[in-house]
N, C-alpha and C. Protein backbone atom coordinates (compact mmCIF):
# COMPACT_ATOMS: atom_id res chain seq x y z
N MET A 1 -14.64 12.46 104.89
CA MET A 1 -13.96 13.58 104.26
C MET A 1 -14.93 14.35 103.38
N ALA A 2 -14.79 15.63 103.41
CA ALA A 2 -15.57 16.49 102.54
C ALA A 2 -14.82 16.64 101.22
N HIS A 3 -15.56 16.89 100.15
CA HIS A 3 -14.97 17.06 98.83
C HIS A 3 -15.45 18.37 98.23
N PHE A 4 -14.51 19.17 97.74
CA PHE A 4 -14.84 20.43 97.10
C PHE A 4 -14.32 20.44 95.67
N THR A 5 -15.14 20.95 94.76
CA THR A 5 -14.71 21.12 93.38
C THR A 5 -14.21 22.54 93.20
N GLU A 6 -13.15 22.67 92.45
CA GLU A 6 -12.67 23.99 92.07
C GLU A 6 -13.22 24.29 90.69
N LEU A 7 -13.93 25.39 90.56
CA LEU A 7 -14.58 25.75 89.31
C LEU A 7 -13.85 26.88 88.61
N ASP A 8 -13.89 26.86 87.26
CA ASP A 8 -13.37 27.99 86.50
C ASP A 8 -14.49 28.99 86.26
N SER A 9 -14.24 30.00 85.48
CA SER A 9 -15.23 31.06 85.24
C SER A 9 -16.45 30.58 84.45
N ASN A 10 -16.36 29.41 83.82
CA ASN A 10 -17.49 28.83 83.09
C ASN A 10 -18.19 27.73 83.88
N ASN A 11 -17.87 27.61 85.17
CA ASN A 11 -18.43 26.58 86.05
C ASN A 11 -18.04 25.16 85.64
N ILE A 12 -16.86 25.02 85.04
CA ILE A 12 -16.31 23.72 84.70
C ILE A 12 -15.37 23.30 85.84
N VAL A 13 -15.48 22.04 86.26
CA VAL A 13 -14.66 21.54 87.35
C VAL A 13 -13.21 21.37 86.89
N LEU A 14 -12.32 22.04 87.61
CA LEU A 14 -10.88 21.94 87.33
C LEU A 14 -10.23 20.86 88.17
N ALA A 15 -10.72 20.68 89.41
CA ALA A 15 -10.13 19.72 90.33
C ALA A 15 -11.14 19.40 91.43
N VAL A 16 -10.93 18.27 92.08
CA VAL A 16 -11.70 17.89 93.26
C VAL A 16 -10.70 17.71 94.39
N LYS A 17 -10.97 18.40 95.51
CA LYS A 17 -10.02 18.41 96.62
C LYS A 17 -10.70 17.98 97.92
N LEU A 18 -9.91 17.40 98.81
CA LEU A 18 -10.43 16.91 100.08
C LEU A 18 -10.40 17.99 101.15
N GLY A 19 -11.43 18.00 101.97
CA GLY A 19 -11.51 18.91 103.11
C GLY A 19 -11.88 18.15 104.37
N CYS A 20 -12.00 18.85 105.45
CA CYS A 20 -12.28 18.27 106.75
C CYS A 20 -13.75 18.42 107.11
N ASN A 21 -14.40 17.32 107.49
CA ASN A 21 -15.82 17.36 107.87
C ASN A 21 -16.06 18.31 109.04
N ILE A 22 -15.15 18.36 110.00
CA ILE A 22 -15.32 19.24 111.16
C ILE A 22 -15.32 20.69 110.72
N ASP A 23 -14.45 21.04 109.77
CA ASP A 23 -14.44 22.41 109.24
C ASP A 23 -15.77 22.77 108.58
N ILE A 24 -16.38 21.79 107.90
CA ILE A 24 -17.70 22.03 107.28
C ILE A 24 -18.72 22.32 108.37
N GLN A 25 -18.75 21.46 109.39
CA GLN A 25 -19.72 21.62 110.48
C GLN A 25 -19.54 22.95 111.20
N ASN A 26 -18.29 23.39 111.37
CA ASN A 26 -18.02 24.63 112.10
C ASN A 26 -18.13 25.88 111.24
N ASN A 27 -18.40 25.70 109.96
CA ASN A 27 -18.44 26.85 109.04
C ASN A 27 -19.64 26.80 108.12
N GLY A 28 -20.82 26.69 108.67
CA GLY A 28 -22.05 26.79 107.88
C GLY A 28 -22.69 25.48 107.50
N GLY A 29 -21.97 24.36 107.59
CA GLY A 29 -22.56 23.07 107.29
C GLY A 29 -22.45 22.68 105.82
N GLU A 30 -22.97 21.47 105.55
CA GLU A 30 -22.94 20.91 104.20
C GLU A 30 -23.54 21.87 103.17
N GLN A 31 -22.88 21.97 102.02
CA GLN A 31 -23.34 22.72 100.85
C GLN A 31 -23.39 24.23 101.04
N SER A 32 -22.85 24.74 102.14
CA SER A 32 -22.96 26.18 102.41
C SER A 32 -21.85 26.98 101.73
N GLU A 33 -22.17 28.21 101.41
CA GLU A 33 -21.17 29.14 100.87
C GLU A 33 -20.09 29.41 101.91
N GLN A 34 -20.51 29.47 103.16
CA GLN A 34 -19.58 29.74 104.25
C GLN A 34 -18.51 28.64 104.33
N ALA A 35 -18.92 27.38 104.21
CA ALA A 35 -17.97 26.28 104.23
C ALA A 35 -17.02 26.36 103.03
N ALA A 36 -17.55 26.69 101.87
CA ALA A 36 -16.71 26.82 100.67
C ALA A 36 -15.72 27.97 100.82
N THR A 37 -16.16 29.08 101.38
CA THR A 37 -15.27 30.22 101.60
C THR A 37 -14.18 29.86 102.59
N HIS A 38 -14.55 29.15 103.65
CA HIS A 38 -13.54 28.70 104.62
C HIS A 38 -12.54 27.77 103.94
N PHE A 39 -13.03 26.84 103.13
CA PHE A 39 -12.14 25.92 102.44
C PHE A 39 -11.14 26.69 101.57
N GLU A 40 -11.62 27.74 100.91
CA GLU A 40 -10.74 28.56 100.06
C GLU A 40 -9.65 29.24 100.90
N SER A 41 -9.97 29.60 102.14
CA SER A 41 -8.96 30.23 103.00
C SER A 41 -7.88 29.23 103.41
N VAL A 42 -8.22 27.95 103.42
CA VAL A 42 -7.26 26.89 103.79
C VAL A 42 -6.52 26.38 102.55
N VAL A 43 -7.26 26.23 101.44
CA VAL A 43 -6.70 25.72 100.20
C VAL A 43 -6.94 26.76 99.11
N PRO A 44 -5.96 27.63 98.85
CA PRO A 44 -6.17 28.69 97.86
C PRO A 44 -6.51 28.12 96.47
N LEU A 45 -7.28 28.89 95.73
CA LEU A 45 -7.65 28.52 94.36
C LEU A 45 -6.43 28.57 93.45
N SER A 46 -6.47 27.78 92.39
CA SER A 46 -5.42 27.84 91.38
C SER A 46 -5.60 29.13 90.57
N GLU A 47 -4.71 29.34 89.64
CA GLU A 47 -4.77 30.54 88.81
C GLU A 47 -6.07 30.63 88.00
N GLN A 48 -6.59 29.48 87.54
CA GLN A 48 -7.82 29.46 86.73
C GLN A 48 -9.08 29.36 87.59
N GLY A 49 -8.93 29.00 88.85
CA GLY A 49 -10.08 28.79 89.72
C GLY A 49 -10.73 30.09 90.18
N VAL A 50 -12.06 30.05 90.27
CA VAL A 50 -12.78 31.24 90.74
C VAL A 50 -13.58 30.98 92.02
N LYS A 51 -13.91 29.71 92.29
CA LYS A 51 -14.63 29.39 93.51
C LYS A 51 -14.66 27.89 93.75
N TYR A 52 -15.01 27.54 94.99
CA TYR A 52 -15.20 26.15 95.37
C TYR A 52 -16.69 25.88 95.58
N VAL A 53 -17.11 24.67 95.20
CA VAL A 53 -18.47 24.19 95.46
C VAL A 53 -18.32 22.76 95.97
N GLN A 54 -19.03 22.45 97.05
CA GLN A 54 -18.93 21.10 97.62
C GLN A 54 -19.64 20.08 96.74
N THR A 55 -19.08 18.89 96.66
CA THR A 55 -19.69 17.77 95.95
C THR A 55 -19.78 16.59 96.92
N SER A 56 -20.69 15.69 96.67
CA SER A 56 -20.92 14.57 97.58
C SER A 56 -20.38 13.27 96.99
N TYR A 57 -19.41 12.69 97.67
CA TYR A 57 -18.83 11.42 97.25
C TYR A 57 -19.90 10.32 97.20
N ASN A 58 -20.90 10.40 98.07
CA ASN A 58 -21.98 9.42 98.13
C ASN A 58 -23.20 9.81 97.30
N HIS A 59 -23.08 10.85 96.49
CA HIS A 59 -24.17 11.31 95.62
C HIS A 59 -25.39 11.77 96.44
N ASN A 60 -25.16 12.29 97.63
CA ASN A 60 -26.26 12.71 98.50
C ASN A 60 -26.84 14.06 98.12
N PHE A 61 -26.10 14.86 97.40
CA PHE A 61 -26.59 16.16 96.96
C PHE A 61 -25.88 16.58 95.68
N ARG A 62 -26.46 17.54 95.00
CA ARG A 62 -25.96 18.07 93.72
C ARG A 62 -25.82 16.99 92.65
N LYS A 63 -26.80 16.11 92.62
CA LYS A 63 -26.99 15.04 91.65
C LYS A 63 -25.98 13.92 91.76
N GLN A 64 -24.69 14.23 91.66
CA GLN A 64 -23.68 13.19 91.61
C GLN A 64 -22.33 13.75 92.03
N TYR A 65 -21.44 12.85 92.32
CA TYR A 65 -20.08 13.23 92.65
C TYR A 65 -19.43 13.80 91.39
N ALA A 66 -18.87 14.97 91.50
CA ALA A 66 -18.31 15.64 90.33
C ALA A 66 -16.89 15.19 90.06
N GLY A 67 -16.53 15.24 88.80
CA GLY A 67 -15.17 14.95 88.37
C GLY A 67 -14.66 16.07 87.49
N ILE A 68 -13.42 15.98 87.12
CA ILE A 68 -12.82 17.00 86.24
C ILE A 68 -13.62 17.08 84.95
N ASN A 69 -13.87 18.29 84.50
CA ASN A 69 -14.62 18.65 83.29
C ASN A 69 -16.14 18.53 83.44
N PHE A 70 -16.64 18.16 84.63
CA PHE A 70 -18.08 18.23 84.85
C PHE A 70 -18.48 19.71 84.84
N PHE A 71 -19.75 19.96 84.58
CA PHE A 71 -20.30 21.32 84.59
C PHE A 71 -21.16 21.48 85.83
N TYR A 72 -20.96 22.59 86.54
CA TYR A 72 -21.82 22.88 87.69
C TYR A 72 -22.90 23.85 87.22
N ASP A 73 -24.15 23.38 87.24
CA ASP A 73 -25.30 24.22 86.89
C ASP A 73 -25.78 24.88 88.17
N SER A 74 -25.45 26.14 88.34
CA SER A 74 -25.78 26.85 89.59
C SER A 74 -27.28 27.08 89.73
N THR A 75 -28.01 27.17 88.64
CA THR A 75 -29.46 27.35 88.71
C THR A 75 -30.13 26.09 89.26
N LYS A 76 -29.67 24.94 88.79
CA LYS A 76 -30.23 23.66 89.25
C LYS A 76 -29.50 23.12 90.47
N ASP A 77 -28.38 23.72 90.81
CA ASP A 77 -27.54 23.31 91.93
C ASP A 77 -27.15 21.84 91.81
N LYS A 78 -26.59 21.50 90.64
CA LYS A 78 -26.16 20.12 90.42
C LYS A 78 -24.99 20.07 89.44
N PHE A 79 -24.27 18.95 89.52
CA PHE A 79 -23.15 18.70 88.62
C PHE A 79 -23.63 17.81 87.47
N ILE A 80 -23.22 18.17 86.26
CA ILE A 80 -23.62 17.43 85.07
C ILE A 80 -22.36 16.89 84.39
N CYS A 81 -22.41 15.61 84.03
CA CYS A 81 -21.28 14.95 83.36
C CYS A 81 -20.98 15.63 82.04
N PRO A 82 -19.74 15.54 81.58
CA PRO A 82 -19.43 16.03 80.23
C PRO A 82 -20.22 15.24 79.19
N GLN A 83 -20.56 15.88 78.10
CA GLN A 83 -21.29 15.22 77.02
C GLN A 83 -20.39 14.14 76.42
N PRO A 84 -20.85 12.87 76.44
CA PRO A 84 -19.98 11.79 75.95
C PRO A 84 -19.76 11.80 74.44
N HIS A 85 -20.77 12.23 73.69
CA HIS A 85 -20.68 12.27 72.22
C HIS A 85 -21.53 13.43 71.72
N PRO A 86 -21.15 14.04 70.61
CA PRO A 86 -21.90 15.20 70.10
C PRO A 86 -23.38 14.93 69.83
N SER A 87 -23.75 13.71 69.48
CA SER A 87 -25.14 13.42 69.14
C SER A 87 -26.02 13.16 70.36
N TRP A 88 -25.45 13.00 71.54
CA TRP A 88 -26.22 12.70 72.75
C TRP A 88 -26.83 13.97 73.32
N SER A 89 -27.98 13.86 73.95
CA SER A 89 -28.66 15.03 74.51
C SER A 89 -29.08 14.76 75.96
N LEU A 90 -29.25 15.85 76.70
CA LEU A 90 -29.66 15.73 78.10
C LEU A 90 -31.15 15.44 78.19
N ASP A 91 -31.51 14.52 79.10
CA ASP A 91 -32.93 14.27 79.35
C ASP A 91 -33.41 15.15 80.51
N SER A 92 -34.63 14.95 80.95
CA SER A 92 -35.20 15.80 82.00
C SER A 92 -34.51 15.62 83.35
N ASN A 93 -33.76 14.54 83.51
CA ASN A 93 -32.99 14.32 84.76
C ASN A 93 -31.54 14.79 84.63
N ASP A 94 -31.22 15.42 83.51
CA ASP A 94 -29.86 15.87 83.22
C ASP A 94 -28.88 14.71 83.10
N ASP A 95 -29.34 13.63 82.49
CA ASP A 95 -28.49 12.50 82.14
C ASP A 95 -28.37 12.48 80.62
N TRP A 96 -27.18 12.18 80.11
CA TRP A 96 -26.96 12.14 78.67
C TRP A 96 -27.58 10.87 78.09
N GLN A 97 -28.33 11.02 77.01
CA GLN A 97 -28.99 9.90 76.36
C GLN A 97 -28.56 9.83 74.89
N PRO A 98 -28.31 8.63 74.40
CA PRO A 98 -27.95 8.48 72.98
C PRO A 98 -29.18 8.64 72.10
N PRO A 99 -28.97 9.00 70.84
CA PRO A 99 -30.12 9.14 69.93
C PRO A 99 -30.76 7.80 69.58
N ILE A 100 -30.04 6.70 69.76
CA ILE A 100 -30.58 5.35 69.60
C ILE A 100 -30.51 4.71 70.98
N THR A 101 -31.62 4.17 71.45
CA THR A 101 -31.69 3.65 72.81
C THR A 101 -30.60 2.62 73.09
N TYR A 102 -30.23 2.55 74.36
CA TYR A 102 -29.27 1.54 74.79
C TYR A 102 -29.75 0.15 74.41
N PRO A 103 -28.83 -0.73 74.05
CA PRO A 103 -29.22 -2.11 73.75
C PRO A 103 -29.90 -2.77 74.96
N THR A 104 -31.00 -3.44 74.70
CA THR A 104 -31.72 -4.15 75.76
C THR A 104 -31.42 -5.64 75.75
N ILE A 105 -30.87 -6.13 74.64
CA ILE A 105 -30.44 -7.53 74.58
C ILE A 105 -28.95 -7.53 74.88
N ILE A 106 -28.61 -8.03 76.07
CA ILE A 106 -27.21 -7.93 76.51
C ILE A 106 -26.53 -9.29 76.69
N ASP A 107 -27.31 -10.38 76.55
CA ASP A 107 -26.71 -11.70 76.65
C ASP A 107 -27.56 -12.71 75.86
N ASP A 108 -27.18 -13.99 75.96
CA ASP A 108 -27.87 -15.03 75.18
C ASP A 108 -29.17 -15.50 75.82
N GLY A 109 -29.45 -15.09 77.04
CA GLY A 109 -30.68 -15.48 77.72
C GLY A 109 -30.62 -16.86 78.35
N ALA A 110 -29.48 -17.53 78.22
CA ALA A 110 -29.33 -18.87 78.80
C ALA A 110 -29.00 -18.77 80.29
N ASP A 111 -29.20 -19.90 81.00
CA ASP A 111 -28.86 -19.95 82.42
C ASP A 111 -28.08 -21.23 82.67
N PRO A 112 -26.78 -21.20 82.83
CA PRO A 112 -25.96 -20.00 82.93
C PRO A 112 -25.65 -19.39 81.55
N ARG A 113 -25.29 -18.13 81.58
CA ARG A 113 -24.98 -17.44 80.32
C ARG A 113 -23.76 -18.04 79.65
N ILE A 114 -23.83 -18.14 78.33
CA ILE A 114 -22.70 -18.62 77.53
C ILE A 114 -21.94 -17.42 76.95
N TRP A 115 -22.68 -16.46 76.49
CA TRP A 115 -22.04 -15.25 75.94
C TRP A 115 -22.86 -14.02 76.29
N ILE A 116 -22.16 -12.89 76.27
CA ILE A 116 -22.78 -11.58 76.49
C ILE A 116 -22.35 -10.67 75.34
N TRP A 117 -23.05 -9.57 75.20
CA TRP A 117 -22.69 -8.59 74.19
C TRP A 117 -21.66 -7.62 74.77
N SER A 118 -20.61 -7.40 74.03
CA SER A 118 -19.65 -6.35 74.32
C SER A 118 -19.96 -5.25 73.30
N TYR A 119 -20.35 -4.08 73.78
CA TYR A 119 -20.78 -3.05 72.83
C TYR A 119 -20.32 -1.66 73.26
N ASN A 120 -20.27 -0.78 72.28
CA ASN A 120 -19.91 0.62 72.55
C ASN A 120 -20.53 1.51 71.48
N TRP A 121 -20.60 2.80 71.80
CA TRP A 121 -21.15 3.78 70.88
C TRP A 121 -20.07 4.21 69.90
N ASN A 122 -20.45 4.31 68.61
CA ASN A 122 -19.53 4.77 67.58
C ASN A 122 -20.14 6.00 66.92
N GLU A 123 -19.65 7.17 67.28
CA GLU A 123 -20.20 8.43 66.79
C GLU A 123 -20.03 8.57 65.28
N ASP A 124 -18.91 8.11 64.74
CA ASP A 124 -18.69 8.21 63.29
C ASP A 124 -19.73 7.41 62.52
N VAL A 125 -20.04 6.22 63.01
CA VAL A 125 -21.07 5.39 62.37
C VAL A 125 -22.41 6.11 62.42
N TYR A 126 -22.75 6.68 63.58
CA TYR A 126 -24.02 7.39 63.70
C TYR A 126 -24.08 8.59 62.75
N GLN A 127 -22.99 9.33 62.64
CA GLN A 127 -22.98 10.52 61.78
C GLN A 127 -23.14 10.14 60.31
N SER A 128 -22.68 8.95 59.93
CA SER A 128 -22.82 8.54 58.52
C SER A 128 -24.16 7.86 58.25
N ASP A 129 -24.79 7.30 59.30
CA ASP A 129 -26.09 6.65 59.14
C ASP A 129 -26.80 6.73 60.49
N ASN A 130 -27.76 7.64 60.61
CA ASN A 130 -28.38 7.90 61.91
C ASN A 130 -29.34 6.80 62.37
N THR A 131 -29.33 5.64 61.71
CA THR A 131 -30.08 4.49 62.21
C THR A 131 -29.14 3.52 62.94
N LYS A 132 -27.85 3.84 62.93
CA LYS A 132 -26.84 3.00 63.56
C LYS A 132 -26.01 3.83 64.52
N GLY A 133 -25.32 3.16 65.42
CA GLY A 133 -24.44 3.85 66.36
C GLY A 133 -23.82 2.89 67.37
N TRP A 134 -24.65 1.96 67.86
CA TRP A 134 -24.13 0.93 68.77
C TRP A 134 -23.50 -0.18 67.96
N LYS A 135 -22.28 -0.54 68.28
CA LYS A 135 -21.55 -1.64 67.65
C LYS A 135 -21.34 -2.71 68.71
N GLY A 136 -21.57 -3.98 68.35
CA GLY A 136 -21.44 -5.05 69.32
C GLY A 136 -20.74 -6.27 68.78
N LYS A 137 -20.18 -7.04 69.72
CA LYS A 137 -19.58 -8.34 69.44
C LYS A 137 -19.99 -9.28 70.56
N LYS A 138 -20.04 -10.56 70.25
CA LYS A 138 -20.35 -11.55 71.27
C LYS A 138 -19.08 -11.91 72.04
N LEU A 139 -19.20 -11.96 73.35
CA LEU A 139 -18.07 -12.23 74.22
C LEU A 139 -18.38 -13.46 75.06
N ASN A 140 -17.50 -14.49 74.98
CA ASN A 140 -17.67 -15.71 75.75
C ASN A 140 -17.49 -15.39 77.23
N THR A 141 -18.45 -15.81 78.07
CA THR A 141 -18.39 -15.47 79.49
C THR A 141 -17.34 -16.26 80.25
N ASP A 142 -16.95 -17.44 79.77
CA ASP A 142 -15.93 -18.24 80.46
C ASP A 142 -14.52 -17.70 80.21
N ARG A 143 -14.24 -17.40 78.96
CA ARG A 143 -12.88 -17.01 78.62
C ARG A 143 -12.72 -15.52 78.35
N ARG A 144 -13.82 -14.79 78.38
CA ARG A 144 -13.80 -13.35 78.11
C ARG A 144 -13.12 -13.04 76.78
N VAL A 145 -13.43 -13.84 75.79
CA VAL A 145 -12.90 -13.63 74.45
C VAL A 145 -14.07 -13.55 73.48
N HIS A 146 -13.84 -12.94 72.36
CA HIS A 146 -14.87 -12.86 71.33
C HIS A 146 -15.00 -14.22 70.65
N THR A 147 -16.17 -14.84 70.74
CA THR A 147 -16.39 -16.15 70.15
C THR A 147 -16.89 -16.03 68.71
N ASP A 148 -17.31 -14.87 68.36
CA ASP A 148 -17.87 -14.61 67.04
C ASP A 148 -17.13 -13.38 66.51
N THR A 149 -16.47 -13.49 65.39
CA THR A 149 -15.69 -12.37 64.89
C THR A 149 -16.54 -11.33 64.18
N ALA A 150 -17.82 -11.62 63.97
CA ALA A 150 -18.70 -10.66 63.30
C ALA A 150 -18.97 -9.46 64.20
N THR A 151 -19.22 -8.34 63.57
CA THR A 151 -19.63 -7.12 64.27
C THR A 151 -21.10 -6.91 63.96
N TYR A 152 -21.84 -6.46 64.97
CA TYR A 152 -23.28 -6.27 64.84
C TYR A 152 -23.65 -4.82 65.12
N ASP A 153 -24.76 -4.40 64.53
CA ASP A 153 -25.33 -3.07 64.78
C ASP A 153 -26.63 -3.24 65.56
N TRP A 154 -26.84 -2.37 66.55
CA TRP A 154 -28.09 -2.34 67.29
C TRP A 154 -29.03 -1.38 66.57
N ASN A 155 -30.22 -1.85 66.19
CA ASN A 155 -31.16 -0.99 65.45
C ASN A 155 -32.24 -0.39 66.34
N GLY A 156 -32.09 -0.55 67.65
CA GLY A 156 -33.08 -0.03 68.58
C GLY A 156 -33.93 -1.13 69.17
N THR A 157 -33.98 -2.30 68.51
CA THR A 157 -34.74 -3.43 69.03
C THR A 157 -34.00 -4.76 68.92
N ALA A 158 -33.01 -4.85 68.05
CA ALA A 158 -32.30 -6.13 67.84
C ALA A 158 -30.89 -5.87 67.32
N TRP A 159 -30.02 -6.89 67.51
CA TRP A 159 -28.68 -6.85 66.94
C TRP A 159 -28.74 -7.41 65.52
N VAL A 160 -28.14 -6.71 64.58
CA VAL A 160 -28.16 -7.09 63.17
C VAL A 160 -26.73 -7.22 62.68
N ALA A 161 -26.40 -8.36 62.08
CA ALA A 161 -25.05 -8.55 61.54
C ALA A 161 -24.80 -7.56 60.43
N GLU A 162 -23.56 -7.07 60.37
CA GLU A 162 -23.20 -6.12 59.32
C GLU A 162 -23.23 -6.78 57.96
C-alpha cells in the first residue's frame, strides 16, 4: 500500500492516508507529483489540506514515515518529527537531540541483568538547572517494578542520586 500525507499551508502533516500501489505506478511512480495529484483526484483534500506528499512506511525515502504533526521540509524533501521538548535542537541529520546527551548507562552490567534504568526527559528540571534533565529510576528486570525508590539525575556521564 502506498501512503500519502495531507499537508496544510505550513507543510504540517494533517493526516496519513492509504493509496494503491498500482495507481502510483500508472501515474508517475514513487514520490512523483503526478501520483500525488492523481491521489488527490481519488481522495479529496480536507478543508485545511493544500496538497498530498507520499511517505514511505518502510522509511525508504523522505527520511522517515511521517505522522500527524510532522513537518515536511520541501527543500530537503524529507519529513521531520515534531520537536519533543523546547530545549532540544536538530542535528545535521535532522534528528532532535537533547541538550544533555542520552544516558549511556542503561543497566547494571550484570549477565543476566538484574535491573535496568527507566528514564525520561524532564523539561522543567532542565529549565531550572541546565545541568540536569534526564530523570531515572532502577527497574527490576524480573518483576518490572522499581526496586529502588530513589530518583537519579543523569549528568552526562553518570547517574547521581538526588
